[in-house]
Amino acid sequence: MIAVAFIPWLLFWILICFHKLEAGSLAGLITTVVLILLDIAKHRTIKILQIGTVIFFFLLALSIPLFGSRAVGRWIDLMGGAALALTVLSSILIKKPFTLQYARETAPRERWNNPIFLHKNLVLSWVWFGVFIFNLSVPVANRIYPGLPMILNWVVSLCTFAIAMKFTHWYARYGGPQR
């Protein structure tokens, strides 16, 4: 399920809200590794989103001692959002939209190469990319207008995430071309 893939990010965002950057990076890294190991144990493929996530949290964990929590923390909202957007965009560019791996876990094998099935997952991955790019607008706005409340970042991110999850569920079943 695609929502599970965002658990490491949720833990990370919660912890950094409490100024726990090191704990957030380690929680994100450990949670991602555990999710990957669970997928391997269940004979599932490692997902593109998991790979991008583990790379981000690994590099983040390395960068904190190198550059300091304060320097890294100053840019963490932009770095996290950019990492998600770049991971999704990369999946699209290599013609393996990240949603396709999750969709194949529940779809019958005979549909996996169906052009409509593939098209729907391409559309869904573009939607997620758009959400992550849109969510980057809040930290950018916070830098242009430093007085903006930080809660705005959470509200925008959670609302767009919820909309993307609902849209993904709806579009996979009813949207776009059928069969």
C-alpha atoms as a PDB file:
ATOM      1  CA  MET A   1       0.000   0.000   0.000  1.00  0.00           C
ATOM      2  CA  ILE A   2       1.367   3.372  -1.019  1.00  0.00           C
ATOM      3  CA  ALA A   3       0.494   5.084   2.286  1.00  0.00           C
ATOM      4  CA  VAL A   4       2.928   2.814   4.161  1.00  0.00           C
ATOM      5  CA  ALA A   5       5.778   4.190   2.043  1.00  0.00           C
ATOM      6  CA  PHE A   6       5.291   7.595   3.648  1.00  0.00           C
ATOM      7  CA  ILE A   7       5.548   6.389   7.271  1.00  0.00           C
ATOM      8  CA  PRO A   8       9.298   7.185   7.436  1.00  0.00           C
ATOM      9  CA  TRP A   9       8.579  10.686   6.152  1.00  0.00           C
ATOM     10  CA  LEU A  10       5.772  11.213   8.665  1.00  0.00           C
ATOM     11  CA  LEU A  11       7.999  10.153  11.569  1.00  0.00           C
ATOM     12  CA  PHE A  12      10.750  12.394  10.252  1.00  0.00           C
ATOM     13  CA  TRP A  13       8.488  15.445   9.880  1.00  0.00           C
ATOM     14  CA  ILE A  14       7.015  14.968  13.353  1.00  0.00           C
ATOM     15  CA  LEU A  15      10.448  14.753  14.956  1.00  0.00           C
ATOM     16  CA  ILE A  16      11.884  17.756  13.129  1.00  0.00           C
ATOM     17  CA  CYS A  17       8.912  19.812  14.308  1.00  0.00           C
ATOM     18  CA  PHE A  18      10.281  19.207  17.799  1.00  0.00           C
ATOM     19  CA  HIS A  19      13.779  20.211  16.614  1.00  0.00           C
ATOM     20  CA  LYS A  20      14.973  16.601  16.675  1.00  0.00           C
ATOM     21  CA  LEU A  21      16.784  16.534  13.336  1.00  0.00           C
ATOM     22  CA  GLU A  22      19.219  13.745  14.243  1.00  0.00           C
ATOM     23  CA  ALA A  23      16.455  11.584  15.718  1.00  0.00           C
ATOM     24  CA  GLY A  24      14.241  12.327  12.708  1.00  0.00           C
ATOM     25  CA  SER A  25      16.911  11.340  10.205  1.00  0.00           C
ATOM     26  CA  LEU A  26      17.677   8.113  12.081  1.00  0.00           C
ATOM     27  CA  ALA A  27      13.977   7.290  12.538  1.00  0.00           C
ATOM     28  CA  GLY A  28      13.396   7.831   8.817  1.00  0.00           C
ATOM     29  CA  LEU A  29      16.408   5.723   7.867  1.00  0.00           C
ATOM     30  CA  ILE A  30      15.648   2.868  10.260  1.00  0.00           C
ATOM     31  CA  THR A  31      11.950   2.791   9.379  1.00  0.00           C
ATOM     32  CA  THR A  32      12.727   2.717   5.663  1.00  0.00           C
ATOM     33  CA  VAL A  33      15.225  -0.113   6.102  1.00  0.00           C
ATOM     34  CA  VAL A  34      12.681  -2.080   8.167  1.00  0.00           C
ATOM     35  CA  LEU A  35      10.004  -1.571   5.477  1.00  0.00           C
ATOM     36  CA  ILE A  36      12.450  -2.726   2.791  1.00  0.00           C
ATOM     37  CA  LEU A  37      13.360  -5.815   4.835  1.00  0.00           C
ATOM     38  CA  LEU A  38       9.664  -6.608   5.358  1.00  0.00           C
ATOM     39  CA  ASP A  39       9.067  -6.357   1.608  1.00  0.00           C
ATOM     40  CA  ILE A  40      12.015  -8.658   0.948  1.00  0.00           C
ATOM     41  CA  ALA A  41      10.697 -11.145   3.520  1.00  0.00           C
ATOM     42  CA  LYS A  42       7.318 -11.102   1.764  1.00  0.00           C
ATOM     43  CA  HIS A  43       9.048 -11.607  -1.623  1.00  0.00           C
ATOM     44  CA  ARG A  44       8.038  -8.148  -2.830  1.00  0.00           C
ATOM     45  CA  THR A  45      10.233  -5.928  -4.921  1.00  0.00           C
ATOM     46  CA  ILE A  46      12.085  -3.016  -3.407  1.00  0.00           C
ATOM     47  CA  LYS A  47      10.270   0.128  -4.490  1.00  0.00           C
ATOM     48  CA  ILE A  48      11.743   3.144  -6.241  1.00  0.00           C
ATOM     49  CA  LEU A  49      10.263   5.372  -3.535  1.00  0.00           C
ATOM     50  CA  GLN A  50      11.977   3.248  -0.867  1.00  0.00           C
ATOM     51  CA  ILE A  51      15.312   3.555  -2.653  1.00  0.00           C
ATOM     52  CA  GLY A  52      14.987   7.344  -2.932  1.00  0.00           C
ATOM     53  CA  THR A  53      13.883   7.544   0.702  1.00  0.00           C
ATOM     54  CA  VAL A  54      16.729   5.426   2.069  1.00  0.00           C
ATOM     55  CA  ILE A  55      19.269   7.411   0.012  1.00  0.00           C
ATOM     56  CA  PHE A  56      17.863  10.690   1.334  1.00  0.00           C
ATOM     57  CA  PHE A  57      17.899   9.617   4.983  1.00  0.00           C
ATOM     58  CA  PHE A  58      21.357   8.053   4.661  1.00  0.00           C
ATOM     59  CA  LEU A  59      22.803  11.232   3.116  1.00  0.00           C
ATOM     60  CA  LEU A  60      20.977  13.326   5.697  1.00  0.00           C
ATOM     61  CA  ALA A  61      22.394  11.242   8.552  1.00  0.00           C
ATOM     62  CA  LEU A  62      25.884  11.747   7.074  1.00  0.00           C
ATOM     63  CA  SER A  63      25.431  15.477   6.475  1.00  0.00           C
ATOM     64  CA  ILE A  64      24.418  16.362  10.040  1.00  0.00           C
ATOM     65  CA  PRO A  65      27.820  15.585  11.617  1.00  0.00           C
ATOM     66  CA  LEU A  66      29.612  17.099   8.606  1.00  0.00           C
ATOM     67  CA  PHE A  67      27.735  20.399   8.420  1.00  0.00           C
ATOM     68  CA  GLY A  68      26.002  20.599  11.795  1.00  0.00           C
ATOM     69  CA  SER A  69      22.358  20.333  12.783  1.00  0.00           C
ATOM     70  CA  ARG A  70      21.779  24.039  12.529  1.00  0.00           C
ATOM     71  CA  ALA A  71      23.041  24.376   8.952  1.00  0.00           C
ATOM     72  CA  VAL A  72      21.224  21.258   7.754  1.00  0.00           C
ATOM     73  CA  GLY A  73      18.070  22.112   9.702  1.00  0.00           C
ATOM     74  CA  ARG A  74      17.881  25.466   7.977  1.00  0.00           C
ATOM     75  CA  TRP A  75      17.287  23.762   4.636  1.00  0.00           C
ATOM     76  CA  ILE A  76      15.667  20.485   5.670  1.00  0.00           C
ATOM     77  CA  ASP A  77      12.155  21.376   4.527  1.00  0.00           C
ATOM     78  CA  LEU A  78      13.414  22.126   1.033  1.00  0.00           C
ATOM     79  CA  MET A  79      15.742  19.125   0.947  1.00  0.00           C
ATOM     80  CA  GLY A  80      13.051  16.652   2.003  1.00  0.00           C
ATOM     81  CA  GLY A  81      10.487  17.966  -0.448  1.00  0.00           C
ATOM     82  CA  ALA A  82      13.033  18.069  -3.247  1.00  0.00           C
ATOM     83  CA  ALA A  83      14.105  14.491  -2.493  1.00  0.00           C
ATOM     84  CA  LEU A  84      10.529  13.247  -2.830  1.00  0.00           C
ATOM     85  CA  ALA A  85       9.913  15.246  -6.006  1.00  0.00           C
ATOM     86  CA  LEU A  86      13.183  14.079  -7.592  1.00  0.00           C
ATOM     87  CA  THR A  87      12.521  10.449  -6.682  1.00  0.00           C
ATOM     88  CA  VAL A  88       9.093  10.557  -8.303  1.00  0.00           C
ATOM     89  CA  LEU A  89      10.343  12.461 -11.352  1.00  0.00           C
ATOM     90  CA  SER A  90      13.195   9.970 -11.768  1.00  0.00           C
ATOM     91  CA  SER A  91      10.719   7.086 -11.730  1.00  0.00           C
ATOM     92  CA  ILE A  92       8.713   8.783 -14.477  1.00  0.00           C
ATOM     93  CA  LEU A  93      11.782   9.556 -16.595  1.00  0.00           C
ATOM     94  CA  ILE A  94      12.999   5.949 -16.484  1.00  0.00           C
ATOM     95  CA  LYS A  95       9.482   4.879 -17.497  1.00  0.00           C
ATOM     96  CA  LYS A  96       8.778   3.092 -14.202  1.00  0.00           C
ATOM     97  CA  PRO A  97       6.271   5.397 -12.486  1.00  0.00           C
ATOM     98  CA  PHE A  98       6.602   4.828  -8.755  1.00  0.00           C
ATOM     99  CA  THR A  99       2.879   4.078  -8.290  1.00  0.00           C
ATOM    100  CA  LEU A 100       3.155   1.141 -10.699  1.00  0.00           C
ATOM    101  CA  GLN A 101       5.071  -0.979  -8.179  1.00  0.00           C
ATOM    102  CA  TYR A 102       2.363  -0.469  -5.564  1.00  0.00           C
ATOM    103  CA  ALA A 103      -0.456  -1.064  -8.066  1.00  0.00           C
ATOM    104  CA  ARG A 104       1.079  -4.345  -9.188  1.00  0.00           C
ATOM    105  CA  GLU A 105       0.887  -5.664  -5.634  1.00  0.00           C
ATOM    106  CA  THR A 106      -2.903  -5.738  -5.825  1.00  0.00           C
ATOM    107  CA  ALA A 107      -3.624  -6.032  -9.559  1.00  0.00           C
ATOM    108  CA  PRO A 108      -3.817  -9.365 -11.367  1.00  0.00           C
ATOM    109  CA  ARG A 109      -0.605 -10.139 -13.272  1.00  0.00           C
ATOM    110  CA  GLU A 110      -2.426 -10.128 -16.633  1.00  0.00           C
ATOM    111  CA  ARG A 111      -3.116  -6.390 -16.212  1.00  0.00           C
ATOM    112  CA  TRP A 112       0.467  -5.382 -15.421  1.00  0.00           C
ATOM    113  CA  ASN A 113       1.396  -4.543 -19.012  1.00  0.00           C
ATOM    114  CA  ASN A 114      -2.031  -3.296 -20.075  1.00  0.00           C
ATOM    115  CA  PRO A 115      -1.571   0.147 -21.700  1.00  0.00           C
ATOM    116  CA  ILE A 116      -4.475   1.624 -19.689  1.00  0.00           C
ATOM    117  CA  PHE A 117      -3.061   0.276 -16.420  1.00  0.00           C
ATOM    118  CA  LEU A 118       0.357   1.720 -17.311  1.00  0.00           C
ATOM    119  CA  HIS A 119      -1.182   5.057 -18.351  1.00  0.00           C
ATOM    120  CA  LYS A 120      -3.140   5.382 -15.101  1.00  0.00           C
ATOM    121  CA  ASN A 121       0.028   4.862 -13.097  1.00  0.00           C
ATOM    122  CA  LEU A 122       1.879   7.420 -15.168  1.00  0.00           C
ATOM    123  CA  VAL A 123      -0.906   9.944 -14.502  1.00  0.00           C
ATOM    124  CA  LEU A 124      -0.886   9.123 -10.783  1.00  0.00           C
ATOM    125  CA  SER A 125       2.880   9.528 -10.564  1.00  0.00           C
ATOM    126  CA  TRP A 126       2.646  12.926 -12.283  1.00  0.00           C
ATOM    127  CA  VAL A 127      -0.031  13.927  -9.774  1.00  0.00           C
ATOM    128  CA  TRP A 128       2.246  12.965  -6.867  1.00  0.00           C
ATOM    129  CA  PHE A 129       5.133  14.852  -8.482  1.00  0.00           C
ATOM    130  CA  GLY A 130       2.881  17.920  -8.747  1.00  0.00           C
ATOM    131  CA  VAL A 131       1.911  17.585  -5.077  1.00  0.00           C
ATOM    132  CA  PHE A 132       5.549  17.449  -3.989  1.00  0.00           C
ATOM    133  CA  ILE A 133       6.456  20.435  -6.170  1.00  0.00           C
ATOM    134  CA  PHE A 134       3.466  22.389  -4.861  1.00  0.00           C
ATOM    135  CA  ASN A 135       4.453  21.524  -1.283  1.00  0.00           C
ATOM    136  CA  LEU A 136       7.876  23.031  -1.950  1.00  0.00           C
ATOM    137  CA  SER A 137       6.167  26.396  -2.456  1.00  0.00           C
ATOM    138  CA  VAL A 138       5.544  26.764   1.291  1.00  0.00           C
ATOM    139  CA  PRO A 139       9.190  26.597   2.425  1.00  0.00           C
ATOM    140  CA  VAL A 140      10.092  28.876  -0.476  1.00  0.00           C
ATOM    141  CA  ALA A 141       7.397  31.319   0.643  1.00  0.00           C
ATOM    142  CA  ASN A 142       8.708  31.055   4.223  1.00  0.00           C
ATOM    143  CA  ARG A 143      12.084  32.226   3.008  1.00  0.00           C
ATOM    144  CA  ILE A 144      10.613  35.117   1.023  1.00  0.00           C
ATOM    145  CA  TYR A 145       8.159  36.064   3.788  1.00  0.00           C
ATOM    146  CA  PRO A 146       9.798  34.948   7.058  1.00  0.00           C
ATOM    147  CA  GLY A 147       6.747  35.914   9.141  1.00  0.00           C
ATOM    148  CA  LEU A 148       4.544  33.155   7.752  1.00  0.00           C
ATOM    149  CA  PRO A 149       3.394  30.729  10.450  1.00  0.00           C
ATOM    150  CA  MET A 150       5.139  27.340  10.345  1.00  0.00           C
ATOM    151  CA  ILE A 151       1.773  25.625  10.822  1.00  0.00           C
ATOM    152  CA  LEU A 152       1.047  26.640   7.231  1.00  0.00           C
ATOM    153  CA  ASN A 153       3.676  24.163   6.074  1.00  0.00           C
ATOM    154  CA  TRP A 154       1.930  21.330   7.935  1.00  0.00           C
ATOM    155  CA  VAL A 155      -1.563  22.321   6.818  1.00  0.00           C
ATOM    156  CA  VAL A 156      -0.594  22.574   3.147  1.00  0.00           C
ATOM    157  CA  SER A 157       1.449  19.374   3.219  1.00  0.00           C
ATOM    158  CA  LEU A 158      -1.175  17.302   5.019  1.00  0.00           C
ATOM    159  CA  CYS A 159      -4.044  18.614   2.905  1.00  0.00           C
ATOM    160  CA  THR A 160      -2.283  18.019  -0.406  1.00  0.00           C
ATOM    161  CA  PHE A 161      -1.128  14.600   0.787  1.00  0.00           C
ATOM    162  CA  ALA A 162      -4.687  13.648   1.779  1.00  0.00           C
ATOM    163  CA  ILE A 163      -6.021  14.917  -1.555  1.00  0.00           C
ATOM    164  CA  ALA A 164      -3.358  12.954  -3.451  1.00  0.00           C
ATOM    165  CA  MET A 165      -4.167   9.780  -1.481  1.00  0.00           C
ATOM    166  CA  LYS A 166      -7.905  10.171  -2.154  1.00  0.00           C
ATOM    167  CA  PHE A 167      -7.287  10.957  -5.817  1.00  0.00           C
ATOM    168  CA  THR A 168      -4.975   7.946  -6.155  1.00  0.00           C
ATOM    169  CA  HIS A 169      -7.626   5.655  -4.694  1.00  0.00           C
ATOM    170  CA  TRP A 170     -10.404   7.139  -6.851  1.00  0.00           C
ATOM    171  CA  TYR A 171      -8.446   7.391 -10.107  1.00  0.00           C
ATOM    172  CA  ALA A 172      -7.078   3.863  -9.844  1.00  0.00           C
ATOM    173  CA  ARG A 173     -10.645   2.539  -9.636  1.00  0.00           C
ATOM    174  CA  TYR A 174     -12.806   4.941 -11.608  1.00  0.00           C
ATOM    175  CA  GLY A 175     -10.772   7.647 -13.313  1.00  0.00           C
ATOM    176  CA  GLY A 176      -9.298   7.841 -16.785  1.00  0.00           C
ATOM    177  CA  PRO A 177      -9.809   5.206 -19.418  1.00  0.00           C
ATOM    178  CA  GLN A 178     -11.245   1.920 -18.156  1.00  0.00           C
ATOM    179  CA  ARG A 179      -9.882  -1.587 -18.656  1.00  0.00           C
END
